[in-house]
C-alpha atoms as a PDB file:
ATOM      1  CA  UNK A   1      88.325 102.482 106.872  1.00  0.00           C
ATOM      2  CA  UNK A   2      91.182 104.042 104.926  1.00  0.00           C
ATOM      3  CA  UNK A   3      89.347 107.162 103.728  1.00  0.00           C
ATOM      4  CA  UNK A   4      87.768 108.157 107.034  1.00  0.00           C
ATOM      5  CA  UNK A   5      90.352 110.931 107.395  1.00  0.00           C
ATOM      6  CA  UNK A   6      88.974 112.945 104.524  1.00  0.00           C
ATOM      7  CA  UNK A   7      85.309 111.964 104.550  1.00  0.00           C
ATOM      8  CA  UNK A   8      84.564 113.282 108.043  1.00  0.00           C
ATOM      9  CA  UNK A   9      84.893 116.748 109.466  1.00  0.00           C
ATOM     10  CA  UNK A  10      86.082 116.642 113.082  1.00  0.00           C
ATOM     11  CA  UNK A  11      84.561 119.983 114.116  1.00  0.00           C
ATOM     12  CA  UNK A  12      81.174 118.972 112.766  1.00  0.00           C
ATOM     13  CA  UNK A  13      81.438 115.555 114.369  1.00  0.00           C
ATOM     14  CA  UNK A  14      82.112 117.071 117.800  1.00  0.00           C
ATOM     15  CA  UNK A  15      79.179 119.440 117.282  1.00  0.00           C
ATOM     16  CA  UNK A  16      76.727 116.558 116.726  1.00  0.00           C
ATOM     17  CA  UNK A  17      78.272 114.213 119.283  1.00  0.00           C
ATOM     18  CA  UNK A  18      75.208 114.239 121.519  1.00  0.00           C
ATOM     19  CA  UNK A  19      73.109 112.937 118.645  1.00  0.00           C
ATOM     20  CA  UNK A  20      75.343 110.005 117.742  1.00  0.00           C
ATOM     21  CA  UNK A  21      76.671 108.892 121.161  1.00  0.00           C
ATOM     22  CA  UNK A  22      75.573 106.365 122.309  1.00  0.00           C
ATOM     23  CA  UNK A  23      72.986 105.858 119.518  1.00  0.00           C
ATOM     24  CA  UNK A  24      75.528 104.989 116.794  1.00  0.00           C
ATOM     25  CA  UNK A  25      78.864 104.876 118.604  1.00  0.00           C
ATOM     26  CA  UNK A  26      79.924 104.301 122.188  1.00  0.00           C
ATOM     27  CA  UNK A  27      81.938 106.962 123.994  1.00  0.00           C
ATOM     28  CA  UNK A  28      85.054 104.832 123.503  1.00  0.00           C
ATOM     29  CA  UNK A  29      84.393 104.412 119.781  1.00  0.00           C
ATOM     30  CA  UNK A  30      83.868 108.141 119.380  1.00  0.00           C
ATOM     31  CA  UNK A  31      87.216 108.694 121.101  1.00  0.00           C
ATOM     32  CA  UNK A  32      88.880 106.364 118.581  1.00  0.00           C
ATOM     33  CA  UNK A  33      87.357 108.338 115.712  1.00  0.00           C
ATOM     34  CA  UNK A  34      88.809 111.522 117.212  1.00  0.00           C
ATOM     35  CA  UNK A  35      92.228 109.868 117.450  1.00  0.00           C
ATOM     36  CA  UNK A  36      91.988 108.779 113.831  1.00  0.00           C
ATOM     37  CA  UNK A  37      91.018 112.227 112.584  1.00  0.00           C
ATOM     38  CA  UNK A  38      93.872 113.783 114.559  1.00  0.00           C
ATOM     39  CA  UNK A  39      96.302 111.244 113.088  1.00  0.00           C
ATOM     40  CA  UNK A  40      97.150 109.856 116.542  1.00  0.00           C
ATOM     41  CA  UNK A  41      98.835 106.515 117.162  1.00  0.00           C
ATOM     42  CA  UNK A  42      96.660 103.424 117.707  1.00  0.00           C
ATOM     43  CA  UNK A  43      97.563 100.381 119.755  1.00  0.00           C
ATOM     44  CA  UNK A  44      97.162  97.009 118.041  1.00  0.00           C
ATOM     45  CA  UNK A  45      93.881  96.334 119.832  1.00  0.00           C
ATOM     46  CA  UNK A  46      92.547  99.795 118.919  1.00  0.00           C
ATOM     47  CA  UNK A  47      93.466  99.228 115.248  1.00  0.00           C
ATOM     48  CA  UNK A  48      91.565  95.939 115.283  1.00  0.00           C
ATOM     49  CA  UNK A  49      88.527  97.493 116.955  1.00  0.00           C
ATOM     50  CA  UNK A  50      88.519 100.416 114.550  1.00  0.00           C
ATOM     51  CA  UNK A  51      88.736  98.187 111.504  1.00  0.00           C
ATOM     52  CA  UNK A  52      86.305  95.536 112.768  1.00  0.00           C
ATOM     53  CA  UNK A  53      83.579  97.768 114.219  1.00  0.00           C
ATOM     54  CA  UNK A  54      83.816 101.477 113.438  1.00  0.00           C
ATOM     55  CA  UNK A  55      84.763 101.164 109.760  1.00  0.00           C
ATOM     56  CA  UNK A  56      81.892  98.749 109.132  1.00  0.00           C
ATOM     57  CA  UNK A  57      79.412 101.067 110.819  1.00  0.00           C
ATOM     58  CA  UNK A  58      80.631 104.021 108.753  1.00  0.00           C
ATOM     59  CA  UNK A  59      80.354 102.068 105.504  1.00  0.00           C
ATOM     60  CA  UNK A  60      76.835 101.025 106.442  1.00  0.00           C
ATOM     61  CA  UNK A  61      75.888 104.647 107.149  1.00  0.00           C
ATOM     62  CA  UNK A  62      77.273 105.761 103.797  1.00  0.00           C
ATOM     63  CA  UNK A  63      75.414 102.963 102.029  1.00  0.00           C
ATOM     64  CA  UNK A  64      72.170 103.849 103.819  1.00  0.00           C
ATOM     65  CA  UNK A  65      72.526 107.497 102.777  1.00  0.00           C
ATOM     66  CA  UNK A  66      73.361 106.511  99.221  1.00  0.00           C
ATOM     67  CA  UNK A  67      76.668 108.357  99.373  1.00  0.00           C
ATOM     68  CA  UNK A  68      79.976 107.363  97.896  1.00  0.00           C
ATOM     69  CA  UNK A  69      83.280 107.985  99.590  1.00  0.00           C
ATOM     70  CA  UNK A  70      85.189 110.615  97.622  1.00  0.00           C
ATOM     71  CA  UNK A  71      87.962 109.303  95.435  1.00  0.00           C
ATOM     72  CA  UNK A  72      91.520 110.435  95.957  1.00  0.00           C
ATOM     73  CA  UNK A  73      94.084 109.729  93.266  1.00  0.00           C
ATOM     74  CA  UNK A  74      97.659 109.497  94.504  1.00  0.00           C
ATOM     75  CA  UNK A  75     100.645 109.720  92.199  1.00  0.00           C
ATOM     76  CA  UNK A  76     104.122 108.556  93.340  1.00  0.00           C
ATOM     77  CA  UNK A  77     102.826 107.627  96.800  1.00  0.00           C
ATOM     78  CA  UNK A  78     106.177 106.009  97.654  1.00  0.00           C
ATOM     79  CA  UNK A  79     107.775 109.484  97.631  1.00  0.00           C
ATOM     80  CA  UNK A  80     105.164 111.106  99.857  1.00  0.00           C
ATOM     81  CA  UNK A  81     105.764 111.366 103.620  1.00  0.00           C
ATOM     82  CA  UNK A  82     102.976 109.190 105.146  1.00  0.00           C
ATOM     83  CA  UNK A  83     101.938 111.763 107.756  1.00  0.00           C
ATOM     84  CA  UNK A  84     101.757 114.447 105.071  1.00  0.00           C
ATOM     85  CA  UNK A  85      99.635 112.192 102.872  1.00  0.00           C
ATOM     86  CA  UNK A  86      97.001 111.908 105.581  1.00  0.00           C
ATOM     87  CA  UNK A  87      96.938 115.676 106.033  1.00  0.00           C
ATOM     88  CA  UNK A  88      96.883 116.254 102.276  1.00  0.00           C
ATOM     89  CA  UNK A  89      93.824 114.018 101.944  1.00  0.00           C
ATOM     90  CA  UNK A  90      91.981 116.138 104.483  1.00  0.00           C
ATOM     91  CA  UNK A  91      93.055 119.367 102.756  1.00  0.00           C
ATOM     92  CA  UNK A  92      91.995 117.952  99.403  1.00  0.00           C
ATOM     93  CA  UNK A  93      88.575 117.142 100.806  1.00  0.00           C
ATOM     94  CA  UNK A  94      88.234 120.606 102.352  1.00  0.00           C
ATOM     95  CA  UNK A  95      89.233 122.481  99.207  1.00  0.00           C
ATOM     96  CA  UNK A  96      87.084 120.220  97.020  1.00  0.00           C
ATOM     97  CA  UNK A  97      84.131 121.375  99.104  1.00  0.00           C
ATOM     98  CA  UNK A  98      85.230 125.015  98.887  1.00  0.00           C
ATOM     99  CA  UNK A  99      85.746 124.894  95.113  1.00  0.00           C
ATOM    100  CA  UNK A 100      82.778 122.746  94.144  1.00  0.00           C
ATOM    101  CA  UNK A 101      83.049 120.752  90.919  1.00  0.00           C
ATOM    102  CA  UNK A 102      86.621 121.930  90.351  1.00  0.00           C
ATOM    103  CA  UNK A 103      89.665 119.772  89.745  1.00  0.00           C
ATOM    104  CA  UNK A 104      91.851 120.225  92.834  1.00  0.00           C
ATOM    105  CA  UNK A 105      95.465 119.075  93.073  1.00  0.00           C
ATOM    106  CA  UNK A 106      97.946 119.241  95.944  1.00  0.00           C
ATOM    107  CA  UNK A 107     101.603 119.070  94.976  1.00  0.00           C
ATOM    108  CA  UNK A 108     104.955 120.569  95.914  1.00  0.00           C
ATOM    109  CA  UNK A 109     107.517 120.168  98.679  1.00  0.00           C
ATOM    110  CA  UNK A 110     104.861 119.797 101.401  1.00  0.00           C
ATOM    111  CA  UNK A 111     104.285 116.239 100.204  1.00  0.00           C
ATOM    112  CA  UNK A 112     107.870 115.029 100.060  1.00  0.00           C
ATOM    113  CA  UNK A 113     110.210 117.344 101.979  1.00  0.00           C
ATOM    114  CA  UNK A 114     110.532 117.915 105.716  1.00  0.00           C
ATOM    115  CA  UNK A 115     110.923 121.653 105.192  1.00  0.00           C
ATOM    116  CA  UNK A 116     108.420 123.627 103.117  1.00  0.00           C
ATOM    117  CA  UNK A 117     107.301 127.254 102.813  1.00  0.00           C
ATOM    118  CA  UNK A 118     103.616 126.699 102.123  1.00  0.00           C
ATOM    119  CA  UNK A 119     101.161 124.125 100.813  1.00  0.00           C
ATOM    120  CA  UNK A 120     100.437 124.399  97.108  1.00  0.00           C
ATOM    121  CA  UNK A 121      96.787 123.973  96.192  1.00  0.00           C
ATOM    122  CA  UNK A 122      96.107 124.002  92.442  1.00  0.00           C
ATOM    123  CA  UNK A 123      92.615 124.842  91.190  1.00  0.00           C
ATOM    124  CA  UNK A 124      91.877 124.173  87.524  1.00  0.00           C
ATOM    125  CA  UNK A 125      89.647 126.971  86.292  1.00  0.00           C
ATOM    126  CA  UNK A 126      88.178 128.130  82.985  1.00  0.00           C
ATOM    127  CA  UNK A 127      89.319 131.669  83.660  1.00  0.00           C
ATOM    128  CA  UNK A 128      92.606 133.269  84.622  1.00  0.00           C
ATOM    129  CA  UNK A 129      92.624 134.393  88.260  1.00  0.00           C
ATOM    130  CA  UNK A 130      95.261 135.807  90.561  1.00  0.00           C
ATOM    131  CA  UNK A 131      96.936 133.417  92.964  1.00  0.00           C
ATOM    132  CA  UNK A 132      96.657 134.205  96.656  1.00  0.00           C
ATOM    133  CA  UNK A 133      97.725 132.993 100.091  1.00  0.00           C
ATOM    134  CA  UNK A 134      95.274 131.733 102.676  1.00  0.00           C
ATOM    135  CA  UNK A 135      97.180 131.059 105.881  1.00  0.00           C
ATOM    136  CA  UNK A 136      99.642 128.257 105.161  1.00  0.00           C
ATOM    137  CA  UNK A 137      98.049 127.520 101.778  1.00  0.00           C
ATOM    138  CA  UNK A 138      99.077 129.007  98.436  1.00  0.00           C
ATOM    139  CA  UNK A 139      96.102 128.872  96.088  1.00  0.00           C
ATOM    140  CA  UNK A 140      97.254 128.605  92.464  1.00  0.00           C
ATOM    141  CA  UNK A 141      94.748 128.961  89.634  1.00  0.00           C
ATOM    142  CA  UNK A 142      95.585 127.089  86.434  1.00  0.00           C
ATOM    143  CA  UNK A 143      93.644 127.632  83.230  1.00  0.00           C
ATOM    144  CA  UNK A 144      92.360 124.440  81.589  1.00  0.00           C
ATOM    145  CA  UNK A 145      94.955 124.689  78.804  1.00  0.00           C
ATOM    146  CA  UNK A 146      97.588 124.166  81.518  1.00  0.00           C
ATOM    147  CA  UNK A 147      96.746 120.454  81.277  1.00  0.00           C
ATOM    148  CA  UNK A 148      98.912 120.425  78.143  1.00  0.00           C
ATOM    149  CA  UNK A 149     101.853 122.358  79.574  1.00  0.00           C
ATOM    150  CA  UNK A 150     105.296 121.151  80.551  1.00  0.00           C
ATOM    151  CA  UNK A 151     104.699 122.484  84.061  1.00  0.00           C
ATOM    152  CA  UNK A 152     101.568 120.382  84.560  1.00  0.00           C
ATOM    153  CA  UNK A 153     103.226 117.285  83.115  1.00  0.00           C
ATOM    154  CA  UNK A 154     105.875 117.553  85.825  1.00  0.00           C
ATOM    155  CA  UNK A 155     103.457 118.581  88.591  1.00  0.00           C
ATOM    156  CA  UNK A 156     101.077 115.629  88.090  1.00  0.00           C
ATOM    157  CA  UNK A 157     103.849 113.054  88.486  1.00  0.00           C
ATOM    158  CA  UNK A 158     103.908 113.562  92.276  1.00  0.00           C
ATOM    159  CA  UNK A 159     100.633 114.836  93.678  1.00  0.00           C
ATOM    160  CA  UNK A 160      97.227 113.939  95.045  1.00  0.00           C
ATOM    161  CA  UNK A 161      94.136 114.814  93.048  1.00  0.00           C
ATOM    162  CA  UNK A 162      90.367 114.657  93.399  1.00  0.00           C
ATOM    163  CA  UNK A 163      90.146 113.493  89.769  1.00  0.00           C
ATOM    164  CA  UNK A 164      91.997 110.911  87.772  1.00  0.00           C
ATOM    165  CA  UNK A 165      94.675 112.522  85.614  1.00  0.00           C
ATOM    166  CA  UNK A 166      94.731 111.031  82.151  1.00  0.00           C
ATOM    167  CA  UNK A 167      97.786 110.740  79.911  1.00  0.00           C
ATOM    168  CA  UNK A 168      98.851 114.223  78.890  1.00  0.00           C
ATOM    169  CA  UNK A 169      99.807 115.523  75.457  1.00  0.00           C
ATOM    170  CA  UNK A 170     102.122 118.524  75.705  1.00  0.00           C
ATOM    171  CA  UNK A 171     100.997 121.236  73.290  1.00  0.00           C
ATOM    172  CA  UNK A 172     103.141 124.035  74.664  1.00  0.00           C
ATOM    173  CA  UNK A 173     105.654 125.433  72.159  1.00  0.00           C
ATOM    174  CA  UNK A 174     109.076 124.231  73.267  1.00  0.00           C
ATOM    175  CA  UNK A 175     112.116 124.175  71.004  1.00  0.00           C
ATOM    176  CA  UNK A 176     115.792 125.084  70.995  1.00  0.00           C
ATOM    177  CA  UNK A 177     114.954 128.752  70.552  1.00  0.00           C
ATOM    178  CA  UNK A 178     112.917 128.790  73.780  1.00  0.00           C
ATOM    179  CA  UNK A 179     115.695 126.818  75.480  1.00  0.00           C
ATOM    180  CA  UNK A 180     118.392 129.279  74.361  1.00  0.00           C
ATOM    181  CA  UNK A 181     116.210 132.159  75.528  1.00  0.00           C
ATOM    182  CA  UNK A 182     115.930 130.530  78.955  1.00  0.00           C
ATOM    183  CA  UNK A 183     119.695 130.086  79.041  1.00  0.00           C
ATOM    184  CA  UNK A 184     120.158 133.847  78.583  1.00  0.00           C
ATOM    185  CA  UNK A 185     117.524 134.616  81.201  1.00  0.00           C
ATOM    186  CA  UNK A 186     119.080 132.148  83.634  1.00  0.00           C
ATOM    187  CA  UNK A 187     122.566 133.595  83.179  1.00  0.00           C
ATOM    188  CA  UNK A 188     121.184 137.063  83.834  1.00  0.00           C
ATOM    189  CA  UNK A 189     119.265 135.899  86.921  1.00  0.00           C
ATOM    190  CA  UNK A 190     122.390 134.271  88.369  1.00  0.00           C
ATOM    191  CA  UNK A 191     124.521 137.315  87.629  1.00  0.00           C
ATOM    192  CA  UNK A 192     122.015 139.624  89.351  1.00  0.00           C
ATOM    193  CA  UNK A 193     121.312 137.123  92.131  1.00  0.00           C
ATOM    194  CA  UNK A 194     117.634 137.458  91.244  1.00  0.00           C
ATOM    195  CA  UNK A 195     115.250 135.944  93.823  1.00  0.00           C
ATOM    196  CA  UNK A 196     113.252 134.217  91.083  1.00  0.00           C
ATOM    197  CA  UNK A 197     116.226 132.273  89.747  1.00  0.00           C
ATOM    198  CA  UNK A 198     114.847 128.946  91.058  1.00  0.00           C
ATOM    199  CA  UNK A 199     111.759 129.256  88.863  1.00  0.00           C
ATOM    200  CA  UNK A 200     113.854 130.002  85.764  1.00  0.00           C
ATOM    201  CA  UNK A 201     116.177 127.105  86.554  1.00  0.00           C
ATOM    202  CA  UNK A 202     113.269 124.679  87.030  1.00  0.00           C
ATOM    203  CA  UNK A 203     111.893 125.617  83.629  1.00  0.00           C
ATOM    204  CA  UNK A 204     115.358 125.305  82.063  1.00  0.00           C
ATOM    205  CA  UNK A 205     115.779 121.788  83.481  1.00  0.00           C
ATOM    206  CA  UNK A 206     112.311 120.691  82.343  1.00  0.00           C
ATOM    207  CA  UNK A 207     112.783 122.023  78.827  1.00  0.00           C
ATOM    208  CA  UNK A 208     116.154 120.276  78.597  1.00  0.00           C
ATOM    209  CA  UNK A 209     114.593 116.959  79.620  1.00  0.00           C
ATOM    210  CA  UNK A 210     111.707 117.397  77.189  1.00  0.00           C
ATOM    211  CA  UNK A 211     113.905 118.322  74.211  1.00  0.00           C
ATOM    212  CA  UNK A 212     116.162 115.311  74.735  1.00  0.00           C
ATOM    213  CA  UNK A 213     113.156 112.999  75.213  1.00  0.00           C
ATOM    214  CA  UNK A 214     114.088 112.064  78.771  1.00  0.00           C
ATOM    215  CA  UNK A 215     111.534 111.510  81.518  1.00  0.00           C
ATOM    216  CA  UNK A 216     110.369 114.782  82.980  1.00  0.00           C
ATOM    217  CA  UNK A 217     111.424 115.184  86.632  1.00  0.00           C
ATOM    218  CA  UNK A 218     108.711 115.237  89.281  1.00  0.00           C
ATOM    219  CA  UNK A 219     108.632 118.012  91.899  1.00  0.00           C
ATOM    220  CA  UNK A 220     110.939 116.122  94.300  1.00  0.00           C
ATOM    221  CA  UNK A 221     113.529 115.402  91.606  1.00  0.00           C
ATOM    222  CA  UNK A 222     113.278 118.953  90.301  1.00  0.00           C
ATOM    223  CA  UNK A 223     113.741 120.452  93.757  1.00  0.00           C
ATOM    224  CA  UNK A 224     116.763 118.253  94.437  1.00  0.00           C
ATOM    225  CA  UNK A 225     118.439 119.191  91.136  1.00  0.00           C
ATOM    226  CA  UNK A 226     117.719 122.911  91.494  1.00  0.00           C
ATOM    227  CA  UNK A 227     119.025 123.031  95.057  1.00  0.00           C
ATOM    228  CA  UNK A 228     122.088 121.007  94.061  1.00  0.00           C
ATOM    229  CA  UNK A 229     123.008 123.409  91.268  1.00  0.00           C
ATOM    230  CA  UNK A 230     122.436 126.574  93.280  1.00  0.00           C
ATOM    231  CA  UNK A 231     124.450 125.293  96.253  1.00  0.00           C
ATOM    232  CA  UNK A 232     127.630 124.986  94.189  1.00  0.00           C
ATOM    233  CA  UNK A 233     130.154 127.827  94.123  1.00  0.00           C
ATOM    234  CA  UNK A 234     129.875 128.155  90.339  1.00  0.00           C
ATOM    235  CA  UNK A 235     126.336 127.181  89.290  1.00  0.00           C
ATOM    236  CA  UNK A 236     126.836 128.662  85.819  1.00  0.00           C
ATOM    237  CA  UNK A 237     129.463 126.000  85.102  1.00  0.00           C
ATOM    238  CA  UNK A 238     126.900 123.239  85.625  1.00  0.00           C
ATOM    239  CA  UNK A 239     124.363 125.096  83.509  1.00  0.00           C
ATOM    240  CA  UNK A 240     126.905 125.525  80.714  1.00  0.00           C
ATOM    241  CA  UNK A 241     127.543 121.776  80.748  1.00  0.00           C
ATOM    242  CA  UNK A 242     123.809 121.116  80.649  1.00  0.00           C
ATOM    243  CA  UNK A 243     123.214 123.346  77.625  1.00  0.00           C
ATOM    244  CA  UNK A 244     126.042 121.640  75.708  1.00  0.00           C
ATOM    245  CA  UNK A 245     124.692 118.195  76.588  1.00  0.00           C
ATOM    246  CA  UNK A 246     121.104 119.131  75.728  1.00  0.00           C
ATOM    247  CA  UNK A 247     121.803 120.722  72.348  1.00  0.00           C
ATOM    248  CA  UNK A 248     124.046 117.852  71.274  1.00  0.00           C
ATOM    249  CA  UNK A 249     121.358 115.304  72.182  1.00  0.00           C
ATOM    250  CA  UNK A 250     118.470 117.102  70.467  1.00  0.00           C
ATOM    251  CA  UNK A 251     117.398 115.444  67.186  1.00  0.00           C
ATOM    252  CA  UNK A 252     118.309 117.495  64.087  1.00  0.00           C
ATOM    253  CA  UNK A 253     120.457 119.837  66.151  1.00  0.00           C
ATOM    254  CA  UNK A 254     122.062 121.162  62.969  1.00  0.00           C
ATOM    255  CA  UNK A 255     118.872 123.177  62.410  1.00  0.00           C
ATOM    256  CA  UNK A 256     119.642 125.088  65.603  1.00  0.00           C
ATOM    257  CA  UNK A 257     123.113 126.188  64.488  1.00  0.00           C
ATOM    258  CA  UNK A 258     121.895 129.382  62.741  1.00  0.00           C
ATOM    259  CA  UNK A 259     120.106 130.488  65.941  1.00  0.00           C
ATOM    260  CA  UNK A 260     123.183 129.742  68.049  1.00  0.00           C
ATOM    261  CA  UNK A 261     125.483 131.614  65.675  1.00  0.00           C
ATOM    262  CA  UNK A 262     123.053 134.551  65.676  1.00  0.00           C
ATOM    263  CA  UNK A 263     123.094 134.570  69.475  1.00  0.00           C
ATOM    264  CA  UNK A 264     126.903 134.547  69.487  1.00  0.00           C
ATOM    265  CA  UNK A 265     126.905 137.534  67.125  1.00  0.00           C
ATOM    266  CA  UNK A 266     124.488 139.419  69.371  1.00  0.00           C
ATOM    267  CA  UNK A 267     126.769 138.791  72.361  1.00  0.00           C
ATOM    268  CA  UNK A 268     129.685 140.222  70.365  1.00  0.00           C
ATOM    269  CA  UNK A 269     127.675 143.376  69.677  1.00  0.00           C
ATOM    270  CA  UNK A 270     126.682 143.690  73.344  1.00  0.00           C
ATOM    271  CA  UNK A 271     130.337 143.406  74.394  1.00  0.00           C
ATOM    272  CA  UNK A 272     131.169 146.375  72.145  1.00  0.00           C
ATOM    273  CA  UNK A 273     128.403 148.387  73.761  1.00  0.00           C
ATOM    274  CA  UNK A 274     129.115 147.277  77.330  1.00  0.00           C
ATOM    275  CA  UNK A 275     132.829 146.406  77.514  1.00  0.00           C
ATOM    276  CA  UNK A 276     132.681 146.462  81.322  1.00  0.00           C
ATOM    277  CA  UNK A 277     130.657 143.200  81.140  1.00  0.00           C
ATOM    278  CA  UNK A 278     132.948 141.483  78.631  1.00  0.00           C
ATOM    279  CA  UNK A 279     133.976 138.650  80.970  1.00  0.00           C
ATOM    280  CA  UNK A 280     130.355 137.752  81.745  1.00  0.00           C
ATOM    281  CA  UNK A 281     129.283 137.642  78.084  1.00  0.00           C
ATOM    282  CA  UNK A 282     132.341 135.667  77.051  1.00  0.00           C
ATOM    283  CA  UNK A 283     131.513 133.126  79.736  1.00  0.00           C
ATOM    284  CA  UNK A 284     127.961 132.881  78.379  1.00  0.00           C
ATOM    285  CA  UNK A 285     129.345 132.420  74.852  1.00  0.00           C
ATOM    286  CA  UNK A 286     131.741 129.639  75.816  1.00  0.00           C
ATOM    287  CA  UNK A 287     129.327 126.652  75.722  1.00  0.00           C
ATOM    288  CA  UNK A 288     127.635 127.963  72.566  1.00  0.00           C
ATOM    289  CA  UNK A 289     130.968 128.118  70.759  1.00  0.00           C
ATOM    290  CA  UNK A 290     131.720 124.578  71.892  1.00  0.00           C
ATOM    291  CA  UNK A 291     128.371 123.367  70.556  1.00  0.00           C
ATOM    292  CA  UNK A 292     129.015 124.995  67.178  1.00  0.00           C
ATOM    293  CA  UNK A 293     132.457 123.383  67.006  1.00  0.00           C
ATOM    294  CA  UNK A 294     131.138 119.920  67.922  1.00  0.00           C
ATOM    295  CA  UNK A 295     128.027 120.037  65.750  1.00  0.00           C
ATOM    296  CA  UNK A 296     129.566 121.545  62.600  1.00  0.00           C
END
């Protein structure tokens, strides 16, 4: 019974044990259910017994009660650590009960990376609410319009969900102006060693992929690329190469030239005002000048 992990609550099961043993299950069968819910290893004979006897009994009980096993939709399962998938199913079930009738999604490094800071739980809500931490879980509220965002398009590529995620149309405003703005923000974050630089870099990478009509990276690919860039001695060099590549690959890039030239002019004015930062601003200008030269 593949979904037993997230359709039964172990604490509740132990509480009612006296009522179901030996009426429905033998002591040995109950022990196997406990092993299953704790994600313990089965011997070959135990696997056969569980599948042949216990699963059939559970399905019969569900049918008798007129209940359906809750659906879990898994995206990019091949990238998810199997042990984490089993845990994520249980968490999805628990949070689906806590946030009744809400679309719940679990995504992030918990699913695919050995090391993770917390477990990201996304709750789709009609209203904006503050995110919060609950033990090892980070509860993120997303407004319904987030379905059409670049962030959600990337998030849903590697996740588990209590609802089927349909094909998404991105309605968020993304163009070369937003990309150039992110480039400035990213350069500033790197220069200041800002703790939120990873978030800015993730957005920069996603916008670059979107503008050049490449496949958006999923959370595992995004994490790998972000970490790879930030681990280098000169991350700005890689970012400069990426902005050149992106702008040159964007359709009708010639329309962006006025914005790029305007940005170069603004950097020149800033250098006059803050000559002590001349080297930094000239470095930021370098790829933009190259783009203008190549695209003109």
